[in-house]
Amino acid sequence: MTGPDLRNITHRLLAWYDKNRRDLPWRKTRDPYAIWVSEIMLQQTQVDTVIPYFRRFVKRFPTIGSLARASRDDVLKAWENMGYYARARHLHEAAGHLVQDHGGKLPATSEGLLSLPGIGAYTAGAILSIAFEKPVPAIDGNVRRVLSRLMALRKPLREPSIQRKIEKTVQALLPADRPGQFNQAMMDLGATVCLPRKPACGRCPLSGTCLARIRGLQTDIPPVPIRAALPHRDVTAGIIRKNGRVLVVRRPEKGLLGGLWKFPGGTLQDGLSLQQGLRQSVLGGLGIEVAVGRKLLAVEHSFTHFLVTLHAYSCGHLKGRPKALDCAGWSWVPVDRLKSLAFSKADRVIIRSLFEAK
């Protein structure tokens, strides 16, 4: 593509965006904080799912200072059921850094943003271009798909040579006067027109220039990597009661679902029955012995890289006082208060069954 072609593409894309942009709540503000929150939420979650979470989150924590002052439990509870909870932990941690080191404001530089937890090159580019009108690219999966088709790049998007070519092209297309709107236009085009499986080429403002469409390759580009079957894990959970309360533990801050609460238990080890595995996990995690009773339910849940079946059992407390051996903390909680704590989706299915039984 030559220079004139690139300028024409930018002009047509922005003209299309002016008429077809999505009506999203974070586009009605120039507040860098709100834009930052939206971009973190959108990293792993669909737009329609994010909208109500975004509205509730910025209402609950309207400023960086209010987010920094909030407890980790409150932040995780506000994030509950949106998944990828490291995003919430990073937001909370970054807010503390901003209050301490940046006067409670987001820095308007790549270096400053990239120094914060949870912010990578894409998120920094989105914040800088949208909130501060800096001519910085924001290249996500949608943008890569659009550019790979526009240039008919038939190699996998993960290849470094393809990534460099896309980055170079986006930088050449990026207008100095409307960088934020250009980045959002590219995202909207990929999300609403240049779809992964069935691109709507008849509605695309760039169809006359798109080499993939011209060559009839739009459904073949980018090539889809072959995915291996997801492994499966059995996980146990013990419902241990005492004086109308239930024992729950807080997961370690780092790792999957970090900081959330759960029922005692863990991943089943090879060679053990579910009951044996549950007793061993409770003893290793809390230092107490339990008698495993009847099975209450089993919950299927899928994560990005594996599948889980969570097996919940009613348990009796036999011996020992709980200690935080393999967890961040523990608590005896009345059943009525369980809904006030942040749990994973699978654990909340167990909680619903407890309320129904009650």
Protein backbone atom coordinates (compact mmCIF):
# COMPACT_ATOMS: atom_id res chain seq x y z
CA MET A 1 0.00 0.00 0.00
CA THR A 2 1.29 3.44 -0.88
CA GLY A 3 0.91 6.67 1.00
CA PRO A 4 -2.22 7.92 -0.85
CA ASP A 5 -3.94 4.57 -0.25
CA LEU A 6 -3.27 4.81 3.46
CA ARG A 7 -4.65 8.34 3.70
CA ASN A 8 -7.77 7.28 1.82
CA ILE A 9 -8.30 4.33 4.15
CA THR A 10 -8.04 6.56 7.21
CA HIS A 11 -10.51 9.08 5.76
CA ARG A 12 -13.09 6.44 4.81
CA LEU A 13 -12.76 4.65 8.13
CA LEU A 14 -13.30 7.83 10.17
CA ALA A 15 -16.25 8.85 7.98
CA TRP A 16 -17.81 5.44 8.60
CA TYR A 17 -17.14 5.71 12.35
CA ASP A 18 -18.79 9.13 12.55
CA LYS A 19 -22.04 7.56 11.31
CA ASN A 20 -21.82 4.08 12.85
CA ARG A 21 -19.95 4.34 16.14
CA ARG A 22 -21.32 2.24 18.97
CA ASP A 23 -23.11 4.13 21.74
CA LEU A 24 -21.01 3.12 24.74
CA PRO A 25 -21.00 4.78 28.18
CA TRP A 26 -17.22 5.23 28.35
CA ARG A 27 -17.34 7.17 25.07
CA LYS A 28 -19.41 9.88 26.72
CA THR A 29 -16.53 11.04 28.90
CA ARG A 30 -12.92 12.18 28.55
CA ASP A 31 -12.14 11.16 32.13
CA PRO A 32 -8.94 9.08 31.89
CA TYR A 33 -9.99 7.06 34.95
CA ALA A 34 -13.28 5.92 33.36
CA ILE A 35 -11.52 5.12 30.09
CA TRP A 36 -8.88 3.13 31.97
CA VAL A 37 -11.55 1.11 33.82
CA SER A 38 -13.40 0.38 30.58
CA GLU A 39 -10.27 -0.78 28.79
CA ILE A 40 -9.30 -3.12 31.62
CA MET A 41 -12.81 -4.61 31.68
CA LEU A 42 -12.82 -5.04 27.90
CA GLN A 43 -9.55 -6.99 27.88
CA GLN A 44 -11.26 -10.37 28.28
CA THR A 45 -15.00 -9.60 28.24
CA GLN A 46 -17.60 -8.80 25.59
CA VAL A 47 -18.91 -5.23 25.34
CA ASP A 48 -22.53 -6.11 26.20
CA THR A 49 -21.38 -7.83 29.38
CA VAL A 50 -19.06 -4.98 30.37
CA ILE A 51 -21.61 -2.13 30.10
CA PRO A 52 -23.60 -2.84 33.31
CA TYR A 53 -20.43 -3.73 35.22
CA PHE A 54 -18.76 -0.51 34.09
CA ARG A 55 -21.72 1.61 35.17
CA ARG A 56 -21.91 -0.02 38.60
CA PHE A 57 -18.14 0.10 39.11
CA VAL A 58 -17.66 3.80 38.36
CA LYS A 59 -20.73 4.63 40.43
CA ARG A 60 -19.34 2.61 43.35
CA PHE A 61 -15.77 3.92 42.84
CA PRO A 62 -16.12 7.25 40.99
CA THR A 63 -12.48 8.34 41.32
CA ILE A 64 -9.02 6.84 41.53
CA GLY A 65 -8.91 7.93 45.16
CA SER A 66 -12.15 6.15 46.05
CA LEU A 67 -10.91 2.98 44.36
CA ALA A 68 -7.60 3.16 46.25
CA ARG A 69 -9.41 3.59 49.58
CA ALA A 70 -11.77 0.66 48.97
CA SER A 71 -11.08 -2.76 50.45
CA ARG A 72 -9.92 -5.56 48.19
CA ASP A 73 -13.08 -7.47 49.09
CA ASP A 74 -15.29 -4.60 47.92
CA VAL A 75 -13.45 -4.34 44.61
CA LEU A 76 -13.62 -8.09 43.95
CA LYS A 77 -17.31 -8.14 44.87
CA ALA A 78 -17.99 -5.37 42.35
CA TRP A 79 -16.14 -7.48 39.75
CA GLU A 80 -17.86 -10.75 40.70
CA ASN A 81 -18.87 -13.02 37.79
CA MET A 82 -16.95 -11.05 35.15
CA GLY A 83 -13.97 -13.39 35.50
CA TYR A 84 -10.23 -12.84 35.09
CA TYR A 85 -10.08 -11.35 38.58
CA ALA A 86 -6.44 -10.38 38.27
CA ARG A 87 -7.77 -7.38 36.34
CA ALA A 88 -9.64 -6.17 39.42
CA ARG A 89 -6.67 -6.76 41.70
CA HIS A 90 -4.40 -4.87 39.32
CA LEU A 91 -6.83 -1.94 39.10
CA HIS A 92 -6.97 -1.72 42.87
CA GLU A 93 -3.20 -1.99 43.24
CA ALA A 94 -2.57 0.54 40.48
CA ALA A 95 -4.98 3.01 42.09
CA GLY A 96 -2.88 2.85 45.25
CA HIS A 97 0.28 3.60 43.25
CA LEU A 98 -1.42 6.52 41.50
CA VAL A 99 -2.53 8.10 44.77
CA GLN A 100 0.89 7.63 46.32
CA ASP A 101 3.12 8.57 43.39
CA HIS A 102 1.06 10.50 40.80
CA GLY A 103 -1.29 12.71 42.78
CA GLY A 104 -4.25 10.43 42.09
CA LYS A 105 -4.06 10.94 38.32
CA LEU A 106 -3.18 8.70 35.41
CA PRO A 107 0.10 9.67 33.75
CA ALA A 108 -0.12 10.81 30.14
CA THR A 109 3.00 8.95 29.04
CA SER A 110 3.65 5.41 27.86
CA GLU A 111 6.38 4.96 30.45
CA GLY A 112 4.12 6.06 33.29
CA LEU A 113 1.20 3.89 32.23
CA LEU A 114 3.31 0.81 31.53
CA SER A 115 4.75 1.02 35.05
CA LEU A 116 1.30 0.31 36.51
CA PRO A 117 0.05 -3.22 37.24
CA GLY A 118 -2.25 -4.64 34.56
CA ILE A 119 -1.39 -2.13 31.83
CA GLY A 120 0.34 -3.41 28.70
CA ALA A 121 1.06 -1.89 25.31
CA TYR A 122 -2.51 -2.10 24.01
CA THR A 123 -4.15 -0.62 27.12
CA ALA A 124 -1.54 2.15 27.32
CA GLY A 125 -2.15 3.00 23.66
CA ALA A 126 -5.91 3.06 24.14
CA ILE A 127 -5.72 5.35 27.18
CA LEU A 128 -3.17 7.70 25.62
CA SER A 129 -5.05 8.05 22.33
CA ILE A 130 -8.62 8.18 23.67
CA ALA A 131 -8.16 10.11 26.91
CA PHE A 132 -5.16 12.27 25.98
CA GLU A 133 -5.36 12.41 22.15
CA LYS A 134 -1.80 11.13 21.81
CA PRO A 135 -0.99 9.57 18.39
CA VAL A 136 -0.30 6.11 19.81
CA PRO A 137 -1.63 2.88 18.24
CA ALA A 138 -3.93 0.56 20.21
CA ILE A 139 -3.70 -2.83 18.53
CA ASP A 140 -6.04 -5.55 19.81
CA GLY A 141 -7.37 -8.73 18.21
CA ASN A 142 -10.00 -6.85 16.22
CA VAL A 143 -7.41 -4.52 14.74
CA ARG A 144 -5.08 -7.38 13.84
CA ARG A 145 -7.89 -9.21 12.05
CA VAL A 146 -8.92 -6.12 10.07
CA LEU A 147 -5.34 -5.36 9.00
CA SER A 148 -4.52 -8.98 8.16
CA ARG A 149 -7.48 -9.05 5.76
CA LEU A 150 -6.83 -5.61 4.39
CA MET A 151 -3.32 -6.69 3.42
CA ALA A 152 -4.17 -10.39 2.78
CA LEU A 153 -1.63 -11.65 5.30
CA ARG A 154 -1.97 -15.42 5.20
CA LYS A 155 0.46 -16.30 7.99
CA PRO A 156 -0.65 -16.75 11.64
CA LEU A 157 -1.09 -13.49 13.52
CA ARG A 158 1.28 -14.64 16.26
CA GLU A 159 4.28 -14.62 13.93
CA PRO A 160 6.61 -11.73 14.83
CA SER A 161 6.99 -10.66 11.18
CA ILE A 162 3.20 -10.33 10.82
CA GLN A 163 2.91 -8.41 14.08
CA ARG A 164 5.63 -5.98 12.99
CA LYS A 165 3.94 -5.42 9.64
CA ILE A 166 0.59 -4.71 11.28
CA GLU A 167 2.15 -2.33 13.80
CA LYS A 168 3.96 -0.46 11.04
CA THR A 169 0.76 -0.15 9.00
CA VAL A 170 -1.35 1.05 11.93
CA GLN A 171 1.25 3.68 12.75
CA ALA A 172 1.14 4.89 9.13
CA LEU A 173 -2.68 5.00 9.13
CA LEU A 174 -2.98 6.78 12.49
CA PRO A 175 -4.04 10.44 12.05
CA ALA A 176 -2.39 13.00 14.31
CA ASP A 177 -5.64 14.93 14.79
CA ARG A 178 -8.04 12.05 15.69
CA PRO A 179 -5.94 9.17 17.04
CA GLY A 180 -8.42 8.06 19.70
CA GLN A 181 -11.34 7.99 17.30
CA PHE A 182 -9.26 6.15 14.71
CA ASN A 183 -8.31 3.44 17.22
CA GLN A 184 -11.94 3.09 18.29
CA ALA A 185 -13.05 3.00 14.65
CA MET A 186 -10.71 0.09 13.98
CA MET A 187 -12.05 -1.73 17.04
CA ASP A 188 -15.67 -1.10 16.01
CA LEU A 189 -15.03 -2.27 12.47
CA GLY A 190 -13.56 -5.53 13.72
CA ALA A 191 -16.27 -6.03 16.34
CA THR A 192 -19.31 -5.28 14.16
CA VAL A 193 -18.35 -5.77 10.48
CA CYS A 194 -15.04 -7.57 9.96
CA LEU A 195 -16.18 -10.50 12.10
CA PRO A 196 -14.02 -13.58 12.73
CA ARG A 197 -16.15 -16.15 10.87
CA LYS A 198 -18.63 -14.28 8.68
CA PRO A 199 -17.30 -10.84 7.76
CA ALA A 200 -20.02 -8.51 6.50
CA CYS A 201 -18.02 -7.23 3.54
CA GLY A 202 -21.09 -5.58 2.01
CA ARG A 203 -21.19 -3.13 4.93
CA CYS A 204 -17.46 -2.49 5.14
CA PRO A 205 -16.17 0.99 4.21
CA LEU A 206 -12.84 -0.57 3.22
CA SER A 207 -14.15 -3.41 1.03
CA GLY A 208 -12.90 -1.77 -2.17
CA THR A 209 -9.35 -1.77 -0.82
CA CYS A 210 -9.38 -5.06 1.11
CA LEU A 211 -7.05 -7.50 -0.65
CA ALA A 212 -8.58 -10.50 1.14
CA ARG A 213 -12.07 -9.64 -0.15
CA ILE A 214 -10.76 -8.89 -3.65
CA ARG A 215 -9.05 -12.30 -3.73
CA GLY A 216 -11.93 -14.16 -2.08
CA LEU A 217 -9.87 -14.98 1.01
CA GLN A 218 -11.80 -13.07 3.68
CA THR A 219 -13.03 -16.24 5.44
CA ASP A 220 -9.57 -17.83 5.29
CA ILE A 221 -7.69 -14.90 6.82
CA PRO A 222 -6.44 -14.86 9.48
CA PRO A 223 -5.77 -18.61 9.66
CA VAL A 224 -7.37 -20.21 12.72
CA PRO A 225 -4.89 -22.11 14.90
CA ILE A 226 -5.76 -25.70 15.75
CA ARG A 227 -6.66 -25.95 19.42
CA ALA A 228 -5.98 -29.00 21.53
CA ALA A 229 -8.76 -30.50 23.62
CA LEU A 230 -9.06 -28.83 27.01
CA PRO A 231 -7.83 -30.92 29.96
CA HIS A 232 -10.26 -31.71 32.80
CA ARG A 233 -9.80 -31.37 36.56
CA ASP A 234 -11.91 -32.67 39.43
CA VAL A 235 -12.07 -30.24 42.36
CA THR A 236 -13.62 -30.83 45.78
CA ALA A 237 -15.44 -28.48 48.14
CA GLY A 238 -16.47 -29.19 51.71
CA ILE A 239 -19.50 -27.53 53.30
CA ILE A 240 -18.43 -27.53 56.95
CA ARG A 241 -21.06 -26.16 59.37
CA LYS A 242 -20.82 -24.98 62.95
CA ASN A 243 -23.49 -23.19 65.02
CA GLY A 244 -25.36 -22.02 61.92
CA ARG A 245 -22.20 -20.84 60.17
CA VAL A 246 -20.19 -22.22 57.25
CA LEU A 247 -16.40 -22.35 57.01
CA VAL A 248 -14.94 -20.49 54.01
CA VAL A 249 -11.37 -19.71 53.01
CA ARG A 250 -9.81 -16.91 51.02
CA ARG A 251 -7.74 -17.93 48.02
CA PRO A 252 -4.14 -16.68 47.80
CA GLU A 253 -3.84 -13.26 46.18
CA LYS A 254 -1.80 -14.59 43.27
CA GLY A 255 -3.04 -17.18 40.82
CA LEU A 256 -6.40 -18.28 39.45
CA LEU A 257 -9.36 -16.49 41.11
CA GLY A 258 -6.88 -14.88 43.51
CA GLY A 259 -8.40 -13.11 46.50
CA LEU A 260 -11.85 -14.64 46.11
CA TRP A 261 -13.49 -16.77 48.80
CA LYS A 262 -14.25 -20.46 48.37
CA PHE A 263 -15.28 -23.53 50.31
CA PRO A 264 -12.41 -25.66 51.70
CA GLY A 265 -11.10 -28.24 49.28
CA GLY A 266 -8.86 -28.43 46.26
CA THR A 267 -7.85 -30.16 43.06
CA LEU A 268 -8.13 -33.94 43.28
CA GLN A 269 -4.79 -35.74 43.24
CA ASP A 270 -4.30 -38.88 41.17
CA GLY A 271 -5.12 -42.14 42.92
CA LEU A 272 -7.48 -40.63 45.50
CA SER A 273 -11.24 -40.88 45.70
CA LEU A 274 -13.19 -37.62 45.88
CA GLN A 275 -13.80 -38.14 49.61
CA GLN A 276 -10.13 -38.92 50.29
CA GLY A 277 -9.01 -35.96 48.23
CA LEU A 278 -11.37 -33.63 50.08
CA ARG A 279 -10.19 -34.77 53.52
CA GLN A 280 -6.56 -34.37 52.44
CA SER A 281 -7.13 -30.89 50.95
CA VAL A 282 -8.92 -29.63 54.07
CA LEU A 283 -6.22 -31.02 56.35
CA GLY A 284 -3.42 -29.54 54.22
CA GLY A 285 -5.11 -26.18 53.74
CA LEU A 286 -6.57 -25.61 57.21
CA GLY A 287 -5.03 -28.22 59.52
CA ILE A 288 -8.40 -29.68 60.53
CA GLU A 289 -9.91 -33.13 60.15
CA VAL A 290 -13.39 -33.60 58.72
CA ALA A 291 -15.81 -36.43 58.12
CA VAL A 292 -17.06 -36.34 54.55
CA GLY A 293 -20.80 -36.93 54.34
CA ARG A 294 -23.27 -36.98 51.49
CA LYS A 295 -22.60 -35.39 48.14
CA LEU A 296 -24.63 -32.21 47.65
CA LEU A 297 -24.05 -31.45 43.97
CA ALA A 298 -21.50 -31.29 41.16
CA VAL A 299 -20.92 -28.11 39.13
CA GLU A 300 -19.34 -28.01 35.67
CA HIS A 301 -17.31 -24.92 34.81
CA SER A 302 -14.94 -23.98 32.00
CA PHE A 303 -11.87 -21.79 32.21
CA THR A 304 -9.78 -20.58 29.29
CA HIS A 305 -7.34 -23.49 29.34
CA PHE A 306 -9.14 -26.29 31.21
CA LEU A 307 -12.49 -27.64 32.38
CA VAL A 308 -13.50 -28.24 35.99
CA THR A 309 -16.07 -30.36 37.81
CA LEU A 310 -16.55 -29.04 41.35
CA HIS A 311 -17.86 -31.75 43.71
CA ALA A 312 -19.48 -30.37 46.88
CA TYR A 313 -19.93 -32.54 49.98
CA SER A 314 -21.51 -31.95 53.35
CA CYS A 315 -18.80 -32.36 55.99
CA GLY A 316 -18.57 -32.63 59.76
CA HIS A 317 -15.79 -30.95 61.74
CA LEU A 318 -13.96 -33.68 63.68
CA LYS A 319 -10.80 -32.15 65.15
CA GLY A 320 -8.54 -29.12 65.07
CA ARG A 321 -8.81 -25.35 64.94
CA PRO A 322 -8.54 -23.84 61.43
CA LYS A 323 -5.19 -22.31 60.50
CA ALA A 324 -4.29 -20.54 57.23
CA LEU A 325 -1.77 -23.12 56.01
CA ASP A 326 -2.48 -23.05 52.27
CA CYS A 327 -4.81 -20.08 51.96
CA ALA A 328 -4.86 -16.35 52.65
CA GLY A 329 -7.38 -16.60 55.49
CA TRP A 330 -10.49 -18.30 56.77
CA SER A 331 -13.79 -17.39 58.45
CA TRP A 332 -16.95 -18.92 59.88
CA VAL A 333 -19.72 -17.07 58.03
CA PRO A 334 -23.50 -17.21 58.52
CA VAL A 335 -25.21 -18.60 55.41
CA ASP A 336 -27.13 -15.33 55.06
CA ARG A 337 -23.83 -13.42 54.71
CA LEU A 338 -22.26 -15.62 52.05
CA LYS A 339 -23.75 -13.53 49.25
CA SER A 340 -21.89 -10.45 50.53
CA LEU A 341 -18.51 -12.07 49.79
CA ALA A 342 -16.90 -12.48 46.38
CA PHE A 343 -16.99 -16.10 45.16
CA SER A 344 -16.35 -17.77 41.82
CA LYS A 345 -19.29 -18.63 39.60
CA ALA A 346 -19.12 -22.33 40.49
CA ASP A 347 -19.02 -21.60 44.23
CA ARG A 348 -22.06 -19.35 43.90
CA VAL A 349 -24.01 -22.30 42.48
CA ILE A 350 -23.25 -24.10 45.74
CA ILE A 351 -24.37 -21.05 47.73
CA ARG A 352 -27.69 -20.98 45.87
CA SER A 353 -28.23 -24.62 46.76
CA LEU A 354 -27.56 -23.81 50.42
CA PHE A 355 -30.19 -21.05 50.36
CA GLU A 356 -32.68 -23.36 48.69
CA ALA A 357 -32.02 -26.05 51.29
CA LYS A 358 -32.39 -23.48 54.06
